[in-house]
C-alpha atoms as a PDB file:
ATOM      1  CA  MET A   1     165.224 127.933 -11.437  1.00  0.00           C
ATOM      2  CA  ARG A   2     167.742 127.130 -14.180  1.00  0.00           C
ATOM      3  CA  GLU A   3     170.269 129.524 -12.643  1.00  0.00           C
ATOM      4  CA  SER A   4     169.982 127.708  -9.297  1.00  0.00           C
ATOM      5  CA  LEU A   5     171.551 124.643 -10.937  1.00  0.00           C
ATOM      6  CA  TYR A   6     174.726 126.635 -11.601  1.00  0.00           C
ATOM      7  CA  THR A   7     176.077 126.919  -8.053  1.00  0.00           C
ATOM      8  CA  PRO A   8     178.811 124.846  -6.371  1.00  0.00           C
ATOM      9  CA  GLU A   9     176.371 123.334  -3.856  1.00  0.00           C
ATOM     10  CA  ALA A  10     173.736 122.431  -6.469  1.00  0.00           C
ATOM     11  CA  CYS A  11     176.417 121.005  -8.747  1.00  0.00           C
ATOM     12  CA  THR A  12     177.795 118.814  -5.960  1.00  0.00           C
ATOM     13  CA  ARG A  13     174.342 117.598  -4.901  1.00  0.00           C
ATOM     14  CA  PHE A  14     173.630 116.663  -8.510  1.00  0.00           C
ATOM     15  CA  SER A  15     176.957 114.770  -8.673  1.00  0.00           C
ATOM     16  CA  ILE A  16     175.977 112.756  -5.603  1.00  0.00           C
ATOM     17  CA  ILE A  17     172.641 111.759  -7.189  1.00  0.00           C
ATOM     18  CA  VAL A  18     174.332 110.754 -10.460  1.00  0.00           C
ATOM     19  CA  ASN A  19     177.009 108.717  -8.660  1.00  0.00           C
ATOM     20  CA  ILE A  20     174.380 106.834  -6.626  1.00  0.00           C
ATOM     21  CA  PHE A  21     172.638 105.926  -9.879  1.00  0.00           C
ATOM     22  CA  LEU A  22     175.914 104.846 -11.525  1.00  0.00           C
ATOM     23  CA  PHE A  23     176.961 102.799  -8.483  1.00  0.00           C
ATOM     24  CA  ILE A  24     173.744 100.771  -8.618  1.00  0.00           C
ATOM     25  CA  LEU A  25     173.885 100.464 -12.416  1.00  0.00           C
ATOM     26  CA  LYS A  26     177.501  99.253 -12.546  1.00  0.00           C
ATOM     27  CA  MET A  27     177.203  96.919  -9.564  1.00  0.00           C
ATOM     28  CA  VAL A  28     174.115  95.177 -10.961  1.00  0.00           C
ATOM     29  CA  ALA A  29     175.443  95.097 -14.540  1.00  0.00           C
ATOM     30  CA  GLY A  30     178.866  93.946 -13.343  1.00  0.00           C
ATOM     31  CA  ILE A  31     177.487  91.017 -11.359  1.00  0.00           C
ATOM     32  CA  LEU A  32     174.877  89.944 -13.919  1.00  0.00           C
ATOM     33  CA  GLY A  33     177.219  90.660 -16.820  1.00  0.00           C
ATOM     34  CA  ARG A  34     180.139  88.758 -15.252  1.00  0.00           C
ATOM     35  CA  SER A  35     182.530  91.713 -15.444  1.00  0.00           C
ATOM     36  CA  GLN A  36     185.168  92.062 -12.730  1.00  0.00           C
ATOM     37  CA  ALA A  37     186.234  95.415 -14.208  1.00  0.00           C
ATOM     38  CA  LEU A  38     182.713  96.846 -13.965  1.00  0.00           C
ATOM     39  CA  VAL A  39     182.262  95.667 -10.367  1.00  0.00           C
ATOM     40  CA  ALA A  40     185.550  97.388  -9.467  1.00  0.00           C
ATOM     41  CA  ASP A  41     184.345 100.490 -11.298  1.00  0.00           C
ATOM     42  CA  SER A  42     181.139 100.458  -9.227  1.00  0.00           C
ATOM     43  CA  LEU A  43     183.258 100.628  -6.061  1.00  0.00           C
ATOM     44  CA  ASN A  44     184.916 103.667  -7.592  1.00  0.00           C
ATOM     45  CA  SER A  45     181.461 105.272  -7.828  1.00  0.00           C
ATOM     46  CA  LEU A  46     180.811 104.384  -4.177  1.00  0.00           C
ATOM     47  CA  LEU A  47     183.958 106.256  -3.171  1.00  0.00           C
ATOM     48  CA  ASP A  48     182.851 109.137  -5.382  1.00  0.00           C
ATOM     49  CA  ILE A  49     179.637 109.407  -3.382  1.00  0.00           C
ATOM     50  CA  VAL A  50     181.651 109.810  -0.184  1.00  0.00           C
ATOM     51  CA  ALA A  51     184.001 112.316  -1.852  1.00  0.00           C
ATOM     52  CA  ASN A  52     181.100 114.363  -3.234  1.00  0.00           C
ATOM     53  CA  ALA A  53     179.488 114.497   0.198  1.00  0.00           C
ATOM     54  CA  VAL A  54     182.732 115.833   1.692  1.00  0.00           C
ATOM     55  CA  VAL A  55     183.051 118.415  -1.108  1.00  0.00           C
ATOM     56  CA  TRP A  56     179.486 119.585  -0.456  1.00  0.00           C
ATOM     57  CA  LEU A  57     180.268 119.925   3.264  1.00  0.00           C
ATOM     58  CA  GLY A  58     183.518 121.756   2.481  1.00  0.00           C
ATOM     59  CA  ILE A  59     181.704 124.260   0.260  1.00  0.00           C
ATOM     60  CA  ARG A  60     179.114 124.982   2.949  1.00  0.00           C
ATOM     61  CA  ILE A  61     181.827 125.540   5.562  1.00  0.00           C
ATOM     62  CA  ALA A  62     183.907 127.693   3.182  1.00  0.00           C
ATOM     63  CA  ASN A  63     180.921 130.000   2.631  1.00  0.00           C
ATOM     64  CA  ARG A  64     180.596 130.809   6.321  1.00  0.00           C
ATOM     65  CA  PRO A  65     181.534 134.396   7.248  1.00  0.00           C
ATOM     66  CA  PRO A  66     184.623 135.164   9.382  1.00  0.00           C
ATOM     67  CA  ASP A  67     184.272 134.724  13.138  1.00  0.00           C
ATOM     68  CA  GLU A  68     186.448 135.125  16.254  1.00  0.00           C
ATOM     69  CA  GLU A  69     188.253 131.814  15.742  1.00  0.00           C
ATOM     70  CA  HIS A  70     188.567 132.245  11.974  1.00  0.00           C
ATOM     71  CA  PRO A  71     189.104 135.976  11.297  1.00  0.00           C
ATOM     72  CA  TYR A  72     190.118 135.255   7.705  1.00  0.00           C
ATOM     73  CA  GLY A  73     187.030 133.176   7.008  1.00  0.00           C
ATOM     74  CA  HIS A  74     186.661 129.455   6.314  1.00  0.00           C
ATOM     75  CA  GLY A  75     187.862 129.385   2.706  1.00  0.00           C
ATOM     76  CA  ASN A  76     190.507 126.712   3.308  1.00  0.00           C
ATOM     77  CA  ALA A  77     187.746 124.170   3.958  1.00  0.00           C
ATOM     78  CA  ASP A  78     187.353 124.177   0.179  1.00  0.00           C
ATOM     79  CA  ASN A  79     191.003 123.182  -0.254  1.00  0.00           C
ATOM     80  CA  LEU A  80     190.723 120.502   2.445  1.00  0.00           C
ATOM     81  CA  ALA A  81     187.773 119.026   0.574  1.00  0.00           C
ATOM     82  CA  ALA A  82     189.809 119.046  -2.650  1.00  0.00           C
ATOM     83  CA  ILE A  83     192.630 117.158  -0.923  1.00  0.00           C
ATOM     84  CA  PHE A  84     190.142 114.620   0.409  1.00  0.00           C
ATOM     85  CA  VAL A  85     188.939 114.038  -3.164  1.00  0.00           C
ATOM     86  CA  ALA A  86     192.580 113.537  -4.182  1.00  0.00           C
ATOM     87  CA  ILE A  87     193.095 110.971  -1.404  1.00  0.00           C
ATOM     88  CA  VAL A  88     189.995 109.118  -2.620  1.00  0.00           C
ATOM     89  CA  LEU A  89     191.514 109.100  -6.121  1.00  0.00           C
ATOM     90  CA  VAL A  90     194.797 107.698  -4.798  1.00  0.00           C
ATOM     91  CA  LEU A  91     193.015 104.968  -2.819  1.00  0.00           C
ATOM     92  CA  THR A  92     190.852 104.097  -5.822  1.00  0.00           C
ATOM     93  CA  GLY A  93     193.858 103.943  -8.132  1.00  0.00           C
ATOM     94  CA  GLY A  94     195.729 101.765  -5.670  1.00  0.00           C
ATOM     95  CA  TYR A  95     192.774  99.416  -5.299  1.00  0.00           C
ATOM     96  CA  ILE A  96     192.246  99.048  -9.047  1.00  0.00           C
ATOM     97  CA  GLY A  97     195.961  98.410  -9.574  1.00  0.00           C
ATOM     98  CA  TYR A  98     196.036  95.828  -6.781  1.00  0.00           C
ATOM     99  CA  GLU A  99     193.024  93.962  -8.187  1.00  0.00           C
ATOM    100  CA  ALA A 100     194.457  94.076 -11.703  1.00  0.00           C
ATOM    101  CA  VAL A 101     197.789  92.567 -10.616  1.00  0.00           C
ATOM    102  CA  HIS A 102     196.081  89.762  -8.700  1.00  0.00           C
ATOM    103  CA  SER A 103     193.816  88.989 -11.643  1.00  0.00           C
ATOM    104  CA  ILE A 104     196.887  88.565 -13.844  1.00  0.00           C
ATOM    105  CA  ILE A 105     198.750  86.433 -11.283  1.00  0.00           C
ATOM    106  CA  ASP A 106     195.748  84.247 -10.489  1.00  0.00           C
ATOM    107  CA  LYS A 107     194.595  84.139 -14.136  1.00  0.00           C
ATOM    108  CA  ASN A 108     191.117  84.960 -12.912  1.00  0.00           C
ATOM    109  CA  PHE A 109     189.624  85.794 -16.292  1.00  0.00           C
ATOM    110  CA  GLN A 110     185.947  85.859 -17.317  1.00  0.00           C
ATOM    111  CA  THR A 111     184.081  86.688 -20.508  1.00  0.00           C
ATOM    112  CA  PRO A 112     181.631  89.527 -19.796  1.00  0.00           C
ATOM    113  CA  THR A 113     178.217  89.828 -21.455  1.00  0.00           C
ATOM    114  CA  TYR A 114     176.860  92.723 -23.516  1.00  0.00           C
ATOM    115  CA  LEU A 115     174.990  94.002 -20.462  1.00  0.00           C
ATOM    116  CA  ALA A 116     178.364  94.999 -19.007  1.00  0.00           C
ATOM    117  CA  THR A 117     179.349  96.630 -22.321  1.00  0.00           C
ATOM    118  CA  SER A 118     176.200  98.765 -22.390  1.00  0.00           C
ATOM    119  CA  ALA A 119     176.554  99.860 -18.760  1.00  0.00           C
ATOM    120  CA  ALA A 120     180.196 100.884 -19.240  1.00  0.00           C
ATOM    121  CA  ALA A 121     179.371 102.861 -22.403  1.00  0.00           C
ATOM    122  CA  LEU A 122     176.479 104.664 -20.688  1.00  0.00           C
ATOM    123  CA  THR A 123     178.731 105.499 -17.726  1.00  0.00           C
ATOM    124  CA  ILE A 124     181.307 107.108 -20.023  1.00  0.00           C
ATOM    125  CA  LEU A 125     178.677 109.318 -21.654  1.00  0.00           C
ATOM    126  CA  ILE A 126     177.130 110.433 -18.360  1.00  0.00           C
ATOM    127  CA  LYS A 127     180.459 111.115 -16.670  1.00  0.00           C
ATOM    128  CA  GLU A 128     181.844 113.116 -19.598  1.00  0.00           C
ATOM    129  CA  ILE A 129     178.780 115.392 -19.522  1.00  0.00           C
ATOM    130  CA  LEU A 130     179.084 115.685 -15.735  1.00  0.00           C
ATOM    131  CA  TYR A 131     182.796 116.577 -16.078  1.00  0.00           C
ATOM    132  CA  HIS A 132     182.136 119.556 -18.374  1.00  0.00           C
ATOM    133  CA  TYR A 133     179.218 120.762 -16.230  1.00  0.00           C
ATOM    134  CA  THR A 134     181.190 120.526 -12.967  1.00  0.00           C
ATOM    135  CA  LEU A 135     184.358 122.105 -14.390  1.00  0.00           C
ATOM    136  CA  ARG A 136     182.333 125.037 -15.691  1.00  0.00           C
ATOM    137  CA  ILE A 137     180.853 125.671 -12.235  1.00  0.00           C
ATOM    138  CA  GLY A 138     184.210 125.197 -10.491  1.00  0.00           C
ATOM    139  CA  LYS A 139     185.963 127.750 -12.714  1.00  0.00           C
ATOM    140  CA  ARG A 140     183.048 130.176 -12.573  1.00  0.00           C
ATOM    141  CA  PHE A 141     183.120 130.259  -8.755  1.00  0.00           C
ATOM    142  CA  LYS A 142     186.889 129.557  -8.461  1.00  0.00           C
ATOM    143  CA  SER A 143     186.229 126.617  -6.148  1.00  0.00           C
ATOM    144  CA  PRO A 144     189.207 124.220  -5.726  1.00  0.00           C
ATOM    145  CA  ALA A 145     186.936 121.473  -4.386  1.00  0.00           C
ATOM    146  CA  VAL A 146     184.477 121.639  -7.294  1.00  0.00           C
ATOM    147  CA  ILE A 147     187.333 121.751  -9.821  1.00  0.00           C
ATOM    148  CA  ALA A 148     188.895 118.720  -8.126  1.00  0.00           C
ATOM    149  CA  ASN A 149     185.516 117.027  -8.302  1.00  0.00           C
ATOM    150  CA  ALA A 150     185.372 117.752 -12.040  1.00  0.00           C
ATOM    151  CA  TYR A 151     188.752 116.102 -12.589  1.00  0.00           C
ATOM    152  CA  ASP A 152     187.539 113.164 -10.551  1.00  0.00           C
ATOM    153  CA  HIS A 153     184.666 112.844 -13.051  1.00  0.00           C
ATOM    154  CA  ARG A 154     187.193 112.926 -15.911  1.00  0.00           C
ATOM    155  CA  SER A 155     189.200 110.207 -14.145  1.00  0.00           C
ATOM    156  CA  ASP A 156     186.005 108.177 -13.920  1.00  0.00           C
ATOM    157  CA  VAL A 157     185.620 108.523 -17.688  1.00  0.00           C
ATOM    158  CA  ILE A 158     189.108 107.062 -18.111  1.00  0.00           C
ATOM    159  CA  VAL A 159     188.348 104.304 -15.609  1.00  0.00           C
ATOM    160  CA  SER A 160     185.128 103.336 -17.368  1.00  0.00           C
ATOM    161  CA  ALA A 161     186.808 103.594 -20.772  1.00  0.00           C
ATOM    162  CA  GLY A 162     189.487 101.194 -19.563  1.00  0.00           C
ATOM    163  CA  ALA A 163     186.804  98.875 -18.237  1.00  0.00           C
ATOM    164  CA  LEU A 164     184.953  99.063 -21.564  1.00  0.00           C
ATOM    165  CA  VAL A 165     188.097  98.261 -23.550  1.00  0.00           C
ATOM    166  CA  GLY A 166     188.822  95.336 -21.255  1.00  0.00           C
ATOM    167  CA  ILE A 167     185.256  94.044 -21.566  1.00  0.00           C
ATOM    168  CA  VAL A 168     185.250  94.285 -25.369  1.00  0.00           C
ATOM    169  CA  VAL A 169     188.696  92.696 -25.693  1.00  0.00           C
ATOM    170  CA  ALA A 170     187.646  89.903 -23.332  1.00  0.00           C
ATOM    171  CA  GLN A 171     184.611  89.272 -25.526  1.00  0.00           C
ATOM    172  CA  LEU A 172     186.952  89.006 -28.530  1.00  0.00           C
ATOM    173  CA  GLY A 173     188.891  86.225 -26.817  1.00  0.00           C
ATOM    174  CA  TYR A 174     191.747  88.076 -25.066  1.00  0.00           C
ATOM    175  CA  PRO A 175     190.618  88.403 -21.431  1.00  0.00           C
ATOM    176  CA  VAL A 176     194.149  89.059 -20.106  1.00  0.00           C
ATOM    177  CA  LEU A 177     194.016  92.592 -21.569  1.00  0.00           C
ATOM    178  CA  ASP A 178     191.227  93.499 -19.134  1.00  0.00           C
ATOM    179  CA  PRO A 179     193.489  93.662 -16.041  1.00  0.00           C
ATOM    180  CA  LEU A 180     196.328  95.164 -18.112  1.00  0.00           C
ATOM    181  CA  ALA A 181     194.026  98.035 -19.046  1.00  0.00           C
ATOM    182  CA  GLY A 182     193.179  98.299 -15.352  1.00  0.00           C
ATOM    183  CA  LEU A 183     196.843  98.928 -14.520  1.00  0.00           C
ATOM    184  CA  TRP A 184     196.980 101.812 -16.976  1.00  0.00           C
ATOM    185  CA  VAL A 185     193.768 103.243 -15.499  1.00  0.00           C
ATOM    186  CA  ALA A 186     195.197 102.964 -11.983  1.00  0.00           C
ATOM    187  CA  PHE A 187     198.313 104.911 -13.015  1.00  0.00           C
ATOM    188  CA  PHE A 188     196.189 107.699 -14.519  1.00  0.00           C
ATOM    189  CA  ILE A 189     194.064 108.033 -11.384  1.00  0.00           C
ATOM    190  CA  LEU A 190     197.111 108.106  -9.083  1.00  0.00           C
ATOM    191  CA  LYS A 191     198.673 110.816 -11.251  1.00  0.00           C
ATOM    192  CA  GLN A 192     195.505 112.932 -11.106  1.00  0.00           C
ATOM    193  CA  GLY A 193     195.262 112.567  -7.330  1.00  0.00           C
ATOM    194  CA  ALA A 194     198.881 113.673  -6.891  1.00  0.00           C
ATOM    195  CA  LYS A 195     198.237 116.714  -9.118  1.00  0.00           C
ATOM    196  CA  ILE A 196     195.270 117.878  -7.021  1.00  0.00           C
ATOM    197  CA  ILE A 197     197.245 117.494  -3.779  1.00  0.00           C
ATOM    198  CA  ARG A 198     200.184 119.426  -5.237  1.00  0.00           C
ATOM    199  CA  GLU A 199     197.894 122.299  -6.305  1.00  0.00           C
ATOM    200  CA  ASN A 200     196.120 122.666  -2.942  1.00  0.00           C
ATOM    201  CA  ILE A 201     198.884 122.113  -0.378  1.00  0.00           C
ATOM    202  CA  PRO A 202     200.431 125.613  -0.883  1.00  0.00           C
ATOM    203  CA  THR A 203     197.190 127.338   0.167  1.00  0.00           C
ATOM    204  CA  LEU A 204     196.936 125.243   3.335  1.00  0.00           C
ATOM    205  CA  MET A 205     200.554 126.145   4.124  1.00  0.00           C
ATOM    206  CA  VAL A 206     199.536 129.853   3.964  1.00  0.00           C
ATOM    207  CA  THR A 207     201.841 130.676   1.080  1.00  0.00           C
ATOM    208  CA  SER A 208     202.023 133.939  -0.829  1.00  0.00           C
ATOM    209  CA  PRO A 209     199.475 134.546  -3.606  1.00  0.00           C
ATOM    210  CA  GLY A 210     202.448 134.761  -5.961  1.00  0.00           C
ATOM    211  CA  SER A 211     204.893 137.445  -7.016  1.00  0.00           C
ATOM    212  CA  LYS A 212     202.976 138.253 -10.204  1.00  0.00           C
ATOM    213  CA  ILE A 213     199.730 138.961  -8.353  1.00  0.00           C
ATOM    214  CA  GLU A 214     201.509 141.059  -5.729  1.00  0.00           C
ATOM    215  CA  THR A 215     203.433 142.962  -8.429  1.00  0.00           C
ATOM    216  CA  ASP A 216     200.282 143.645 -10.444  1.00  0.00           C
ATOM    217  CA  ILE A 217     198.399 144.940  -7.401  1.00  0.00           C
ATOM    218  CA  GLY A 218     201.413 146.963  -6.218  1.00  0.00           C
ATOM    219  CA  SER A 219     201.745 148.600  -9.650  1.00  0.00           C
ATOM    220  CA  TYR A 220     198.042 149.428  -9.616  1.00  0.00           C
ATOM    221  CA  ILE A 221     198.231 151.013  -6.128  1.00  0.00           C
ATOM    222  CA  LYS A 222     201.302 153.068  -7.094  1.00  0.00           C
ATOM    223  CA  ASN A 223     199.280 154.918  -9.735  1.00  0.00           C
ATOM    224  CA  LEU A 224     196.370 155.839  -7.450  1.00  0.00           C
ATOM    225  CA  ASP A 225     195.810 159.444  -6.333  1.00  0.00           C
ATOM    226  CA  GLY A 226     197.755 160.462  -3.227  1.00  0.00           C
ATOM    227  CA  VAL A 227     200.196 157.530  -3.341  1.00  0.00           C
ATOM    228  CA  VAL A 228     203.854 158.547  -3.685  1.00  0.00           C
ATOM    229  CA  SER A 229     205.221 154.982  -3.693  1.00  0.00           C
ATOM    230  CA  VAL A 230     204.525 151.447  -2.505  1.00  0.00           C
ATOM    231  CA  VAL A 231     206.966 150.420   0.240  1.00  0.00           C
ATOM    232  CA  TRP A 232     205.999 146.737   0.334  1.00  0.00           C
ATOM    233  CA  ILE A 233     203.108 144.408  -0.298  1.00  0.00           C
ATOM    234  CA  ARG A 234     202.526 140.870   0.949  1.00  0.00           C
ATOM    235  CA  GLY A 235     199.653 138.507   1.588  1.00  0.00           C
ATOM    236  CA  HIS A 236     198.348 134.971   1.720  1.00  0.00           C
ATOM    237  CA  ALA A 237     195.629 132.907   0.120  1.00  0.00           C
ATOM    238  CA  VAL A 238     192.571 131.618   1.951  1.00  0.00           C
ATOM    239  CA  GLY A 239     190.614 129.298  -0.278  1.00  0.00           C
ATOM    240  CA  SER A 240     190.203 131.094  -3.599  1.00  0.00           C
ATOM    241  CA  SER A 241     190.595 134.577  -2.048  1.00  0.00           C
ATOM    242  CA  TYR A 242     193.573 136.732  -1.042  1.00  0.00           C
ATOM    243  CA  TYR A 243     194.242 138.733   2.118  1.00  0.00           C
ATOM    244  CA  LEU A 244     196.889 141.428   1.605  1.00  0.00           C
ATOM    245  CA  ASP A 245     198.918 143.941   3.625  1.00  0.00           C
ATOM    246  CA  THR A 246     200.657 146.900   2.015  1.00  0.00           C
ATOM    247  CA  ALA A 247     202.532 150.001   3.118  1.00  0.00           C
ATOM    248  CA  VAL A 248     202.431 153.132   0.986  1.00  0.00           C
ATOM    249  CA  ASN A 249     204.229 156.458   1.206  1.00  0.00           C
ATOM    250  CA  VAL A 250     202.115 159.629   1.093  1.00  0.00           C
ATOM    251  CA  ASN A 251     202.837 163.310   1.533  1.00  0.00           C
ATOM    252  CA  GLY A 252     204.099 163.673   5.111  1.00  0.00           C
ATOM    253  CA  ASN A 253     202.371 167.031   5.588  1.00  0.00           C
ATOM    254  CA  MET A 254     198.830 165.793   5.040  1.00  0.00           C
ATOM    255  CA  SER A 255     196.370 165.330   7.922  1.00  0.00           C
ATOM    256  CA  VAL A 256     195.567 162.020   9.566  1.00  0.00           C
ATOM    257  CA  LYS A 257     192.080 162.184   8.064  1.00  0.00           C
ATOM    258  CA  ALA A 258     193.466 162.705   4.563  1.00  0.00           C
ATOM    259  CA  GLY A 259     195.779 159.701   5.020  1.00  0.00           C
ATOM    260  CA  HIS A 260     192.873 157.629   6.258  1.00  0.00           C
ATOM    261  CA  ASP A 261     190.792 158.625   3.227  1.00  0.00           C
ATOM    262  CA  ILE A 262     193.603 157.578   0.890  1.00  0.00           C
ATOM    263  CA  ALA A 263     193.866 154.170   2.624  1.00  0.00           C
ATOM    264  CA  SER A 264     190.085 153.662   2.356  1.00  0.00           C
ATOM    265  CA  GLU A 265     190.137 154.608  -1.322  1.00  0.00           C
ATOM    266  CA  ILE A 266     193.032 152.189  -2.001  1.00  0.00           C
ATOM    267  CA  LYS A 267     191.100 149.353  -0.387  1.00  0.00           C
ATOM    268  CA  ARG A 268     187.908 150.161  -2.314  1.00  0.00           C
ATOM    269  CA  LYS A 269     189.613 150.435  -5.696  1.00  0.00           C
ATOM    270  CA  VAL A 270     191.829 147.368  -5.241  1.00  0.00           C
ATOM    271  CA  GLN A 271     188.849 145.172  -4.318  1.00  0.00           C
ATOM    272  CA  GLN A 272     186.926 146.615  -7.255  1.00  0.00           C
ATOM    273  CA  ARG A 273     189.791 145.999  -9.699  1.00  0.00           C
ATOM    274  CA  PHE A 274     190.832 142.614  -8.241  1.00  0.00           C
ATOM    275  CA  PRO A 275     187.677 140.695  -7.122  1.00  0.00           C
ATOM    276  CA  ASP A 276     189.748 137.869  -5.616  1.00  0.00           C
ATOM    277  CA  VAL A 277     191.080 140.208  -2.899  1.00  0.00           C
ATOM    278  CA  ALA A 278     188.848 139.592   0.125  1.00  0.00           C
ATOM    279  CA  ASP A 279     190.579 142.256   2.222  1.00  0.00           C
ATOM    280  CA  ILE A 280     193.626 144.535   2.129  1.00  0.00           C
ATOM    281  CA  LEU A 281     195.137 146.354   5.115  1.00  0.00           C
ATOM    282  CA  VAL A 282     196.800 149.602   4.055  1.00  0.00           C
ATOM    283  CA  HIS A 283     199.564 151.134   6.216  1.00  0.00           C
ATOM    284  CA  ILE A 284     200.095 154.840   5.618  1.00  0.00           C
ATOM    285  CA  GLU A 285     203.697 156.102   6.017  1.00  0.00           C
ATOM    286  CA  PRO A 286     205.127 159.598   5.402  1.00  0.00           C
ATOM    287  CA  ASP A 287     207.272 160.029   2.324  1.00  0.00           C
ATOM    288  CA  PRO A 288     210.884 160.335   3.554  1.00  0.00           C
ATOM    289  CA  ASP A 289     211.675 162.775   0.746  1.00  0.00           C
END
């Protein structure tokens, strides 16, 4: 039962439940506690609920097996979900920044109560725990969407910390620092959203897994039995997995069956040595020498 909590889907479902709780908590505490920052932070949690739901859907789609229309599987749905989370971060950061600027211009300052202070502090604690839990699952399963979700939780910690600082400073008699802290929070969120987009766009553009990965796998294949040399190797990423093509030179006098056996053995050993390789197509060519 405990192990079932450590899966991308279970982690995302748990995040949705926590964010629903935090949305209600911050909205009620923000209104009753007269805190504009906490009300804005509650809207951030509302967007998180939507983002988490999309991540959960993306994970379910990514886990579907290959079919006729998607011969390489559905792994990129995970990256699409991560980008959606990033867009939510950008929109949230823009909204918080916009509200902060207008609060400064309009001098719309209030003195929050200690109810708002308590709610913001509790939010920070819960979100920090959720960040570490989600990041652990994301890295364990190499899920871009879950990792993006984890960084969204960390951004929420920064948002709530900024709200808490603003609330406390307002209670000390300097309410103008509340929206100024909001501007800093908005910048941090926008930066995090841009980072997630930058990390996931290459996969959607079907880019190479990277020269280092291809070199490492090519060097490994070159030392396998029956392989004279590696002519070329190339591939592309789909979600967190790689699909590769390679051509290898073998003894030109061997039978077709022997060449086929070598190709099958290359595929088996590469996938065993490099678990991220979902498939590798091996082309057998006679050694020109």
